[in-house]
Amino acid sequence: MTRTALTGEEVLTAAARLVRAHGPGALTMRRLATELGTAVTSIYWHVGNRESLLDALVERTVREMGDIRPAGHTPHARIVSVARALRTALRERPHLIAMVHERGLTERMFLPAQQALVHEAHAAGLRGQLAAEAVRAVQFQVVGFVLIERNRERSPEQHPSEGELWDSPAAGHDPALARALAGPADAERLFLVSLDALVKSLLAPGDPGRPASGNGRPSRSPAS
């Protein structure tokens, strides 16, 4: 039985679900109509043709990526929360993010997260170039980490494997290290460890007890 009541938002939600699961190639108007239990003409009525639908999905993705909000009681905790939320959002919708990138809207998509990071950098005492570097360093860390994760997930089976390559001599006669490197990587823990170290190093120049030069960079001693 064909549905009669349908909204444009329902169409976009179903289309996004298809793209997230199978990629944009799987999104056809006929398949979308089947998913929604409606007629193809109803889909056209609500969202136009397929290109218009893809454009609407891109705009929706950009808006969703703007919903990231910091959480925590310190600039460090809030920056980490933004980075974690950004990583999750990117991981959840790789096909949609690729569509945003193809349309040249990547910078616009990242702007809200960058603005949230700027606010926390300022709260930590960073200004000017130091604040800008902190924002970009965190963004690059997140995006780079996600790309590495995706690459590892899609790579063919390795011969020899990490477990076969890492033995005690290869690890400098450190058996515990060899066992750790031979096992699967804990991506979540590795992300948090690297992110925590990065944020600590970035916020250190904002320490009120650290002298800074007038250009926003830490002052250097004459010997440096």
Protein backbone atom coordinates (compact mmCIF):
# COMPACT_ATOMS: atom_id res chain seq x y z
CA MET A 1 0.00 0.00 0.00
CA THR A 2 1.41 3.38 -1.04
CA ARG A 3 1.94 6.02 1.61
CA THR A 4 0.17 9.31 1.17
CA ALA A 5 1.60 11.35 4.07
CA LEU A 6 5.28 12.12 3.57
CA THR A 7 7.56 15.03 4.42
CA GLY A 8 10.71 16.30 2.78
CA GLU A 9 12.64 15.66 6.00
CA GLU A 10 11.58 12.01 5.96
CA VAL A 11 12.83 11.72 2.39
CA LEU A 12 16.19 13.25 3.33
CA THR A 13 16.52 11.00 6.38
CA ALA A 14 15.88 7.87 4.33
CA ALA A 15 18.23 9.06 1.58
CA ALA A 16 20.97 9.80 4.11
CA ARG A 17 20.51 6.34 5.62
CA LEU A 18 20.98 4.73 2.21
CA VAL A 19 24.07 6.78 1.41
CA ARG A 20 25.64 6.15 4.82
CA ALA A 21 25.11 2.41 4.45
CA HIS A 22 25.91 1.87 0.78
CA GLY A 23 27.35 5.05 -0.75
CA PRO A 24 25.79 7.59 -3.14
CA GLY A 25 25.74 5.06 -6.00
CA ALA A 26 23.06 3.10 -4.16
CA LEU A 27 20.76 6.11 -4.01
CA THR A 28 18.21 5.92 -6.79
CA MET A 29 14.79 7.50 -6.74
CA ARG A 30 13.15 4.12 -7.26
CA ARG A 31 15.03 2.49 -4.39
CA LEU A 32 14.30 5.45 -2.16
CA ALA A 33 10.61 5.25 -2.99
CA THR A 34 10.63 1.55 -2.13
CA GLU A 35 12.34 2.27 1.19
CA LEU A 36 9.68 4.84 2.03
CA GLY A 37 6.76 2.84 0.69
CA THR A 38 5.68 5.60 -1.63
CA ALA A 39 5.58 6.45 -5.32
CA VAL A 40 8.60 7.82 -7.18
CA THR A 41 6.55 10.85 -8.15
CA SER A 42 6.10 11.65 -4.47
CA ILE A 43 9.88 11.74 -4.03
CA TYR A 44 10.23 14.16 -6.94
CA TRP A 45 7.46 16.32 -5.48
CA HIS A 46 9.29 16.71 -2.16
CA VAL A 47 12.95 17.00 -3.20
CA GLY A 48 13.13 17.46 -6.95
CA ASN A 49 15.44 15.31 -9.08
CA ARG A 50 18.35 13.17 -7.87
CA GLU A 51 20.90 15.99 -8.14
CA SER A 52 18.68 18.27 -6.08
CA LEU A 53 18.35 15.48 -3.54
CA LEU A 54 22.13 15.06 -3.33
CA ASP A 55 22.56 18.81 -2.91
CA ALA A 56 20.02 18.77 -0.07
CA LEU A 57 21.87 15.88 1.57
CA VAL A 58 25.11 17.82 1.41
CA GLU A 59 23.49 20.87 3.03
CA ARG A 60 21.96 18.65 5.70
CA THR A 61 25.35 17.09 6.44
CA VAL A 62 26.95 20.51 6.77
CA ARG A 63 24.23 21.52 9.25
CA GLU A 64 24.66 18.31 11.24
CA MET A 65 28.40 18.84 11.51
CA GLY A 66 27.63 22.27 12.93
CA ASP A 67 25.81 20.71 15.89
CA ILE A 68 29.05 19.76 17.67
CA ARG A 69 29.15 21.39 21.10
CA PRO A 70 31.96 21.31 23.68
CA ALA A 71 31.47 19.64 27.07
CA GLY A 72 33.54 19.73 30.24
CA HIS A 73 34.75 22.17 32.88
CA THR A 74 38.19 23.11 31.53
CA PRO A 75 39.46 24.26 28.12
CA HIS A 76 41.46 21.02 27.87
CA ALA A 77 38.40 18.84 28.52
CA ARG A 78 36.23 20.90 26.19
CA ILE A 79 38.74 20.78 23.33
CA VAL A 80 39.03 17.02 23.76
CA SER A 81 35.23 16.74 23.70
CA VAL A 82 35.01 18.68 20.43
CA ALA A 83 37.72 16.52 18.86
CA ARG A 84 36.02 13.31 19.98
CA ALA A 85 32.64 14.46 18.68
CA LEU A 86 34.20 15.52 15.38
CA ARG A 87 35.89 12.13 14.95
CA THR A 88 32.63 10.32 15.68
CA ALA A 89 30.70 12.48 13.22
CA LEU A 90 33.26 11.90 10.47
CA ARG A 91 33.36 8.17 11.14
CA GLU A 92 29.58 7.85 11.03
CA ARG A 93 29.09 9.43 7.60
CA PRO A 94 32.14 8.93 5.33
CA HIS A 95 30.14 8.88 2.10
CA LEU A 96 28.25 12.04 2.98
CA ILE A 97 31.47 13.78 4.02
CA ALA A 98 33.00 12.82 0.67
CA MET A 99 30.03 14.41 -1.09
CA VAL A 100 30.54 17.60 0.90
CA HIS A 101 34.20 17.61 -0.09
CA GLU A 102 33.41 17.04 -3.77
CA ARG A 103 31.20 20.14 -3.75
CA GLY A 104 33.94 22.30 -2.25
CA LEU A 105 32.16 22.83 1.07
CA THR A 106 34.66 21.16 3.40
CA GLU A 107 35.91 24.39 4.98
CA ARG A 108 32.37 25.61 5.59
CA MET A 109 31.52 22.26 7.15
CA PHE A 110 34.42 22.47 9.61
CA LEU A 111 33.84 26.11 10.53
CA PRO A 112 31.53 25.52 13.56
CA ALA A 113 33.97 23.03 15.11
CA GLN A 114 36.82 25.46 14.45
CA GLN A 115 34.88 28.27 16.11
CA ALA A 116 34.27 26.09 19.16
CA LEU A 117 37.99 25.32 19.33
CA VAL A 118 38.85 29.02 18.98
CA HIS A 119 36.62 29.81 21.95
CA GLU A 120 38.38 27.21 24.10
CA ALA A 121 41.83 28.29 22.91
CA HIS A 122 41.00 31.84 24.00
CA ALA A 123 39.71 30.54 27.33
CA ALA A 124 43.08 28.82 27.81
CA GLY A 125 44.91 32.10 27.22
CA LEU A 126 46.03 31.53 23.63
CA ARG A 127 45.81 34.38 21.14
CA GLY A 128 46.81 35.11 17.57
CA GLN A 129 49.08 32.64 15.81
CA LEU A 130 49.23 30.30 18.81
CA ALA A 131 45.45 30.02 18.92
CA ALA A 132 45.27 29.45 15.16
CA GLU A 133 47.91 26.75 15.31
CA ALA A 134 46.10 25.04 18.18
CA VAL A 135 42.81 24.99 16.26
CA ARG A 136 44.39 23.60 13.10
CA ALA A 137 46.55 21.09 14.95
CA VAL A 138 43.51 19.57 16.64
CA GLN A 139 41.53 19.55 13.39
CA PHE A 140 44.39 17.94 11.45
CA GLN A 141 44.88 15.39 14.22
CA VAL A 142 41.23 14.34 14.04
CA VAL A 143 40.97 14.24 10.24
CA GLY A 144 44.33 12.50 9.83
CA PHE A 145 43.46 9.91 12.44
CA VAL A 146 40.12 9.15 10.76
CA LEU A 147 41.82 8.77 7.37
CA ILE A 148 44.36 6.33 8.84
CA GLU A 149 41.58 4.37 10.53
CA ARG A 150 39.64 4.12 7.26
CA ASN A 151 42.74 3.08 5.36
CA ARG A 152 43.55 0.31 7.85
CA GLU A 153 39.97 -0.95 7.80
CA ARG A 154 39.90 -1.15 4.01
CA SER A 155 43.42 -2.47 3.46
CA PRO A 156 43.87 -6.06 2.23
CA GLU A 157 45.11 -8.74 4.59
CA GLN A 158 48.78 -8.17 5.26
CA HIS A 159 51.50 -10.80 4.68
CA PRO A 160 53.42 -10.88 6.94
CA SER A 161 51.08 -9.50 9.58
CA GLU A 162 52.06 -7.23 12.45
CA GLY A 163 51.98 -10.24 14.74
CA GLU A 164 54.49 -12.04 12.53
CA LEU A 165 56.76 -9.02 12.16
CA TRP A 166 57.02 -8.01 15.78
CA ASP A 167 59.14 -10.21 18.01
CA SER A 168 61.33 -9.35 20.96
CA PRO A 169 64.50 -8.57 18.95
CA ALA A 170 62.53 -6.36 16.53
CA ALA A 171 61.20 -4.43 19.54
CA GLY A 172 64.63 -3.87 21.04
CA HIS A 173 64.35 -6.91 23.30
CA ASP A 174 61.25 -5.48 24.96
CA PRO A 175 58.83 -8.45 25.12
CA ALA A 176 55.94 -6.38 26.45
CA LEU A 177 56.34 -3.89 23.61
CA ALA A 178 56.56 -6.73 21.08
CA ARG A 179 53.32 -8.26 22.39
CA ALA A 180 51.55 -4.90 22.31
CA LEU A 181 52.62 -4.11 18.74
CA ALA A 182 51.79 -7.65 17.58
CA GLY A 183 48.23 -7.28 18.82
CA PRO A 184 45.43 -5.24 17.23
CA ALA A 185 45.57 -1.49 17.73
CA ASP A 186 43.03 -0.04 20.15
CA ALA A 187 42.05 2.92 17.97
CA GLU A 188 39.89 4.60 20.60
CA ARG A 189 42.61 4.49 23.25
CA LEU A 190 45.30 5.54 20.77
CA PHE A 191 43.20 8.49 19.65
CA LEU A 192 42.66 9.66 23.22
CA VAL A 193 46.32 9.20 24.21
CA SER A 194 47.59 11.15 21.20
CA LEU A 195 44.88 13.81 21.51
CA ASP A 196 45.53 14.34 25.22
CA ALA A 197 49.27 14.75 24.62
CA LEU A 198 48.66 17.15 21.74
CA VAL A 199 46.20 19.33 23.66
CA LYS A 200 48.47 19.49 26.71
CA SER A 201 51.38 20.66 24.56
CA LEU A 202 49.23 23.20 22.70
CA LEU A 203 47.76 24.74 25.83
CA ALA A 204 51.07 24.96 27.69
CA PRO A 205 51.99 28.33 26.05
CA GLY A 206 48.71 29.70 27.40
CA ASP A 207 49.78 29.07 30.97
CA PRO A 208 49.51 32.45 32.76
CA GLY A 209 52.92 31.85 34.30
CA ARG A 210 54.65 31.56 30.94
CA PRO A 211 56.05 34.77 29.43
CA ALA A 212 54.90 35.54 25.89
CA SER A 213 56.10 37.92 23.22
CA GLY A 214 53.87 40.57 21.67
CA ASN A 215 53.18 38.53 18.52
CA GLY A 216 51.31 35.79 20.37
CA ARG A 217 54.28 33.37 20.41
CA PRO A 218 56.26 32.30 23.46
CA SER A 219 59.28 34.50 24.02
CA ARG A 220 62.66 32.96 23.33
CA SER A 221 65.81 33.42 25.33
CA PRO A 222 68.76 35.00 23.55
CA ALA A 223 70.49 31.62 23.45
CA SER A 224 67.61 29.86 21.68
